Amino acid sequence: MKPAGLLSAFLSQRDINLVIFLLDINDSRLDFVKKFGVPINSLKEKPEEKIKSQTKIGVDLVIIATSSMEVFDQALKLVRKGGKILIFGVPPKNSPITYDANYVFANEITILTSGYSIRKEVETALELISSGKIDVKQLISHRLPINESQKAFDLAHKGEKAIKIVITS
C-alpha cells in the first residue's frame, strides 16, 4: 500500500465514516493498513466478491494509487453503476488502457485523472496536517537512527514491510 493510497483513505474518512477497501498484493503492507480500512490481498482473494458481499452494488469511488494501469480493468469490476474511477498514480508514458467503452457508457462510470498539485491543494494539505485533522505520523512504519541509514534505504528499496521510514539524528 503506497502512502498516496493511504492518504486518500484518510481524506475519504475525514468528514464521514466510510467503509474503505484497501487492495494490495503484499501481506505485510496489508497488515499495517488494517487500522485504516478493509485490507484485501488481490492475489489471494477475489476483491470483487469480497467487496460486493459487503456493498451489494460495488463502491462509489475507486482510487488507483499505483502507476500500474493493469488494475484499471479490476477497478471497472469494483465500481458501482454511476460510480467513479480516479487515476491518481502516475502511469508510465505510453501506458495503454483497454476497456469496453459500451460497459463504461451503460454503467455511467466517470473516469477522472489527477495531475499535479496546485498551490491551493498543497496549502490545504499542509493545513490538514498542521491542524491535526490528518495524522501523517500513522504512515511511519519505521524510525531509525542516522547511523542505520543504510538499513533505512534497504527497507525502502525492498518496500515489503515499509510504508514510510524516518531517519532521526
C-alpha atoms as a PDB file:
ATOM      1  CA  MET A   1       0.000   0.000   0.000  1.00  0.00           C
ATOM      2  CA  LYS A   2       1.530   3.248  -1.108  1.00  0.00           C
ATOM      3  CA  PRO A   3       1.280   6.344   1.109  1.00  0.00           C
ATOM      4  CA  ALA A   4      -0.741   8.140  -1.583  1.00  0.00           C
ATOM      5  CA  GLY A   5      -3.412   5.461  -1.340  1.00  0.00           C
ATOM      6  CA  LEU A   6      -3.460   5.680   2.444  1.00  0.00           C
ATOM      7  CA  LEU A   7      -3.734   9.456   2.357  1.00  0.00           C
ATOM      8  CA  SER A   8      -6.698   9.097   0.014  1.00  0.00           C
ATOM      9  CA  ALA A   9      -8.308   6.813   2.587  1.00  0.00           C
ATOM     10  CA  PHE A  10      -7.626   9.376   5.350  1.00  0.00           C
ATOM     11  CA  LEU A  11      -9.236  12.140   3.316  1.00  0.00           C
ATOM     12  CA  SER A  12     -12.228   9.987   2.481  1.00  0.00           C
ATOM     13  CA  GLN A  13     -12.859   9.334   6.169  1.00  0.00           C
ATOM     14  CA  ARG A  14     -12.188  12.904   7.299  1.00  0.00           C
ATOM     15  CA  ASP A  15     -15.763  14.159   7.336  1.00  0.00           C
ATOM     16  CA  ILE A  16     -17.843  10.991   7.268  1.00  0.00           C
ATOM     17  CA  ASN A  17     -17.254   7.439   8.329  1.00  0.00           C
ATOM     18  CA  LEU A  18     -16.952   5.338   5.190  1.00  0.00           C
ATOM     19  CA  VAL A  19     -16.002   1.742   4.558  1.00  0.00           C
ATOM     20  CA  ILE A  20     -12.644   1.852   2.794  1.00  0.00           C
ATOM     21  CA  PHE A  21     -11.324  -1.200   0.958  1.00  0.00           C
ATOM     22  CA  LEU A  22      -7.536  -1.253   0.564  1.00  0.00           C
ATOM     23  CA  LEU A  23      -6.138  -3.573  -2.096  1.00  0.00           C
ATOM     24  CA  ASP A  24      -2.507  -4.617  -2.385  1.00  0.00           C
ATOM     25  CA  ILE A  25      -0.522  -7.771  -3.078  1.00  0.00           C
ATOM     26  CA  ASN A  26       1.840  -7.509  -0.104  1.00  0.00           C
ATOM     27  CA  ASP A  27       0.633  -9.093   3.148  1.00  0.00           C
ATOM     28  CA  SER A  28       2.938  -7.085   5.418  1.00  0.00           C
ATOM     29  CA  ARG A  29       1.678  -3.779   3.985  1.00  0.00           C
ATOM     30  CA  LEU A  30      -1.913  -5.002   4.241  1.00  0.00           C
ATOM     31  CA  ASP A  31      -1.323  -5.968   7.870  1.00  0.00           C
ATOM     32  CA  PHE A  32      -0.062  -2.426   8.518  1.00  0.00           C
ATOM     33  CA  VAL A  33      -3.138  -0.790   6.925  1.00  0.00           C
ATOM     34  CA  LYS A  34      -5.805  -2.840   8.760  1.00  0.00           C
ATOM     35  CA  LYS A  35      -6.484   0.130  11.028  1.00  0.00           C
ATOM     36  CA  PHE A  36      -7.442   2.292   8.034  1.00  0.00           C
ATOM     37  CA  GLY A  37      -9.918   0.032   6.279  1.00  0.00           C
ATOM     38  CA  VAL A  38     -10.658  -3.452   4.996  1.00  0.00           C
ATOM     39  CA  PRO A  39      -7.444  -4.972   3.606  1.00  0.00           C
ATOM     40  CA  ILE A  40      -7.718  -7.269   0.589  1.00  0.00           C
ATOM     41  CA  ASN A  41      -4.828  -9.187  -0.953  1.00  0.00           C
ATOM     42  CA  SER A  42      -5.856  -9.172  -4.605  1.00  0.00           C
ATOM     43  CA  LEU A  43      -3.621 -12.162  -5.365  1.00  0.00           C
ATOM     44  CA  LYS A  44      -5.099 -14.377  -2.652  1.00  0.00           C
ATOM     45  CA  GLU A  45      -8.696 -13.161  -2.507  1.00  0.00           C
ATOM     46  CA  LYS A  46     -11.325 -12.200  -5.040  1.00  0.00           C
ATOM     47  CA  PRO A  47     -11.774  -8.461  -4.416  1.00  0.00           C
ATOM     48  CA  GLU A  48     -14.940  -8.213  -6.494  1.00  0.00           C
ATOM     49  CA  GLU A  49     -16.661 -10.956  -4.489  1.00  0.00           C
ATOM     50  CA  LYS A  50     -15.491  -9.634  -1.107  1.00  0.00           C
ATOM     51  CA  ILE A  51     -16.496  -6.048  -1.850  1.00  0.00           C
ATOM     52  CA  LYS A  52     -19.849  -6.891  -3.419  1.00  0.00           C
ATOM     53  CA  SER A  53     -20.689  -9.212  -0.498  1.00  0.00           C
ATOM     54  CA  GLN A  54     -20.422  -6.154   1.768  1.00  0.00           C
ATOM     55  CA  THR A  55     -21.770  -3.424  -0.534  1.00  0.00           C
ATOM     56  CA  LYS A  56     -24.157  -5.415  -2.782  1.00  0.00           C
ATOM     57  CA  ILE A  57     -23.604  -2.923  -5.653  1.00  0.00           C
ATOM     58  CA  GLY A  58     -19.896  -2.066  -5.637  1.00  0.00           C
ATOM     59  CA  VAL A  59     -18.064   1.029  -4.445  1.00  0.00           C
ATOM     60  CA  ASP A  60     -18.773   4.689  -5.127  1.00  0.00           C
ATOM     61  CA  LEU A  61     -15.162   5.523  -5.908  1.00  0.00           C
ATOM     62  CA  VAL A  62     -12.076   3.559  -6.869  1.00  0.00           C
ATOM     63  CA  ILE A  63      -8.794   5.421  -6.469  1.00  0.00           C
ATOM     64  CA  ILE A  64      -5.981   3.883  -8.457  1.00  0.00           C
ATOM     65  CA  ALA A  65      -2.936   4.955  -6.447  1.00  0.00           C
ATOM     66  CA  THR A  66      -0.409   2.882  -8.352  1.00  0.00           C
ATOM     67  CA  SER A  67       1.450   3.540 -11.577  1.00  0.00           C
ATOM     68  CA  SER A  68       0.367   0.163 -12.938  1.00  0.00           C
ATOM     69  CA  MET A  69      -2.654   0.505 -15.190  1.00  0.00           C
ATOM     70  CA  GLU A  70      -3.174  -3.258 -15.096  1.00  0.00           C
ATOM     71  CA  VAL A  71      -5.546  -2.575 -12.204  1.00  0.00           C
ATOM     72  CA  PHE A  72      -7.877  -0.455 -14.344  1.00  0.00           C
ATOM     73  CA  ASP A  73      -9.858  -3.469 -15.532  1.00  0.00           C
ATOM     74  CA  GLN A  74     -10.283  -4.555 -11.929  1.00  0.00           C
ATOM     75  CA  ALA A  75     -11.455  -1.053 -10.992  1.00  0.00           C
ATOM     76  CA  LEU A  76     -14.266  -1.351 -13.553  1.00  0.00           C
ATOM     77  CA  LYS A  77     -15.460  -4.518 -11.823  1.00  0.00           C
ATOM     78  CA  LEU A  78     -15.405  -2.911  -8.367  1.00  0.00           C
ATOM     79  CA  VAL A  79     -17.170   0.404  -9.055  1.00  0.00           C
ATOM     80  CA  ARG A  80     -20.961   0.616  -8.855  1.00  0.00           C
ATOM     81  CA  LYS A  81     -23.220   1.883 -11.606  1.00  0.00           C
ATOM     82  CA  GLY A  82     -22.836   5.676 -11.625  1.00  0.00           C
ATOM     83  CA  GLY A  83     -19.542   5.408  -9.715  1.00  0.00           C
ATOM     84  CA  LYS A  84     -16.187   6.983 -10.391  1.00  0.00           C
ATOM     85  CA  ILE A  85     -12.654   5.813 -11.047  1.00  0.00           C
ATOM     86  CA  LEU A  86      -9.849   8.233 -10.204  1.00  0.00           C
ATOM     87  CA  ILE A  87      -6.446   7.580 -11.733  1.00  0.00           C
ATOM     88  CA  PHE A  88      -4.192   9.116  -9.078  1.00  0.00           C
ATOM     89  CA  GLY A  89      -0.968   7.146  -9.570  1.00  0.00           C
ATOM     90  CA  VAL A  90       1.138   8.491 -12.433  1.00  0.00           C
ATOM     91  CA  PRO A  91       1.265   5.872 -15.194  1.00  0.00           C
ATOM     92  CA  PRO A  92       4.463   5.476 -17.217  1.00  0.00           C
ATOM     93  CA  LYS A  93       4.398   7.084 -20.652  1.00  0.00           C
ATOM     94  CA  ASN A  94       2.664   5.045 -23.350  1.00  0.00           C
ATOM     95  CA  SER A  95       0.673   3.018 -20.805  1.00  0.00           C
ATOM     96  CA  PRO A  96      -2.362   1.699 -22.657  1.00  0.00           C
ATOM     97  CA  ILE A  97      -5.743   1.251 -21.000  1.00  0.00           C
ATOM     98  CA  THR A  98      -8.182  -1.049 -22.728  1.00  0.00           C
ATOM     99  CA  TYR A  99     -11.790  -1.353 -21.695  1.00  0.00           C
ATOM    100  CA  ASP A 100     -15.229  -1.857 -23.122  1.00  0.00           C
ATOM    101  CA  ALA A 101     -16.452   1.701 -23.767  1.00  0.00           C
ATOM    102  CA  ASN A 102     -20.032   0.411 -24.020  1.00  0.00           C
ATOM    103  CA  TYR A 103     -19.756  -1.018 -20.482  1.00  0.00           C
ATOM    104  CA  VAL A 104     -18.493   2.340 -19.188  1.00  0.00           C
ATOM    105  CA  PHE A 105     -21.301   4.154 -21.013  1.00  0.00           C
ATOM    106  CA  ALA A 106     -24.085   1.762 -19.971  1.00  0.00           C
ATOM    107  CA  ASN A 107     -22.978   1.834 -16.333  1.00  0.00           C
ATOM    108  CA  GLU A 108     -22.463   5.611 -16.312  1.00  0.00           C
ATOM    109  CA  ILE A 109     -18.924   5.281 -14.939  1.00  0.00           C
ATOM    110  CA  THR A 110     -16.948   8.505 -14.676  1.00  0.00           C
ATOM    111  CA  ILE A 111     -13.204   8.281 -15.259  1.00  0.00           C
ATOM    112  CA  LEU A 112     -11.145  11.053 -13.695  1.00  0.00           C
ATOM    113  CA  THR A 113      -7.451  11.792 -13.550  1.00  0.00           C
ATOM    114  CA  SER A 114      -5.460  13.803 -11.081  1.00  0.00           C
ATOM    115  CA  GLY A 115      -2.493  15.651 -12.461  1.00  0.00           C
ATOM    116  CA  TYR A 116      -0.040  17.513 -10.373  1.00  0.00           C
ATOM    117  CA  SER A 117      -0.844  19.523  -7.259  1.00  0.00           C
ATOM    118  CA  ILE A 118      -1.562  23.185  -7.479  1.00  0.00           C
ATOM    119  CA  ARG A 119      -0.622  25.668  -4.763  1.00  0.00           C
ATOM    120  CA  LYS A 120      -4.109  25.677  -3.184  1.00  0.00           C
ATOM    121  CA  GLU A 121      -4.089  21.879  -2.859  1.00  0.00           C
ATOM    122  CA  VAL A 122      -0.652  21.935  -1.228  1.00  0.00           C
ATOM    123  CA  GLU A 123      -1.784  24.663   1.184  1.00  0.00           C
ATOM    124  CA  THR A 124      -4.925  22.683   2.035  1.00  0.00           C
ATOM    125  CA  ALA A 125      -2.872  19.539   2.647  1.00  0.00           C
ATOM    126  CA  LEU A 126      -0.453  21.401   4.898  1.00  0.00           C
ATOM    127  CA  GLU A 127      -3.361  22.921   6.852  1.00  0.00           C
ATOM    128  CA  LEU A 128      -4.974  19.498   7.343  1.00  0.00           C
ATOM    129  CA  ILE A 129      -1.678  18.090   8.612  1.00  0.00           C
ATOM    130  CA  SER A 130      -0.723  21.034  10.837  1.00  0.00           C
ATOM    131  CA  SER A 131      -4.220  21.214  12.383  1.00  0.00           C
ATOM    132  CA  GLY A 132      -4.120  17.514  13.210  1.00  0.00           C
ATOM    133  CA  LYS A 133      -7.146  16.684  11.032  1.00  0.00           C
ATOM    134  CA  ILE A 134      -4.909  14.200   9.238  1.00  0.00           C
ATOM    135  CA  ASP A 135      -2.257  12.407  11.267  1.00  0.00           C
ATOM    136  CA  VAL A 136       0.503  11.519   8.825  1.00  0.00           C
ATOM    137  CA  LYS A 137       2.524  10.009  11.683  1.00  0.00           C
ATOM    138  CA  GLN A 138       0.317   6.950  11.213  1.00  0.00           C
ATOM    139  CA  LEU A 139       2.140   6.323   7.945  1.00  0.00           C
ATOM    140  CA  ILE A 140       5.510   5.870   9.651  1.00  0.00           C
ATOM    141  CA  SER A 141       6.339   2.197   9.820  1.00  0.00           C
ATOM    142  CA  HIS A 142       9.992   2.583  10.884  1.00  0.00           C
ATOM    143  CA  ARG A 143      12.118   5.095  12.803  1.00  0.00           C
ATOM    144  CA  LEU A 144      15.845   4.519  12.563  1.00  0.00           C
ATOM    145  CA  PRO A 145      18.834   6.484  13.872  1.00  0.00           C
ATOM    146  CA  ILE A 146      21.113   8.120  11.351  1.00  0.00           C
ATOM    147  CA  ASN A 147      23.810   5.502  11.917  1.00  0.00           C
ATOM    148  CA  GLU A 148      21.347   2.938  10.492  1.00  0.00           C
ATOM    149  CA  SER A 149      20.679   4.931   7.323  1.00  0.00           C
ATOM    150  CA  GLN A 150      21.755   2.080   5.076  1.00  0.00           C
ATOM    151  CA  LYS A 151      19.189  -0.193   6.740  1.00  0.00           C
ATOM    152  CA  ALA A 152      16.536   2.501   6.148  1.00  0.00           C
ATOM    153  CA  PHE A 153      17.439   2.717   2.451  1.00  0.00           C
ATOM    154  CA  ASP A 154      17.413  -1.078   2.144  1.00  0.00           C
ATOM    155  CA  LEU A 155      13.962  -1.263   3.749  1.00  0.00           C
ATOM    156  CA  ALA A 156      12.657   1.491   1.495  1.00  0.00           C
ATOM    157  CA  HIS A 157      14.092  -0.168  -1.596  1.00  0.00           C
ATOM    158  CA  LYS A 158      12.535  -3.545  -0.783  1.00  0.00           C
ATOM    159  CA  GLY A 159       9.248  -1.903   0.229  1.00  0.00           C
ATOM    160  CA  GLU A 160       7.955  -5.159   1.687  1.00  0.00           C
ATOM    161  CA  LYS A 161       7.460  -4.126   5.307  1.00  0.00           C
ATOM    162  CA  ALA A 162       7.899  -0.386   4.951  1.00  0.00           C
ATOM    163  CA  ILE A 163       5.396   2.377   4.377  1.00  0.00           C
ATOM    164  CA  LYS A 164       7.357   5.487   5.356  1.00  0.00           C
ATOM    165  CA  ILE A 165      10.734   5.484   7.088  1.00  0.00           C
ATOM    166  CA  VAL A 166      12.036   8.334   9.222  1.00  0.00           C
ATOM    167  CA  ILE A 167      15.765   8.742   9.872  1.00  0.00           C
ATOM    168  CA  THR A 168      16.463  10.537  13.141  1.00  0.00           C
ATOM    169  CA  SER A 169      19.600  12.172  14.463  1.00  0.00           C
END
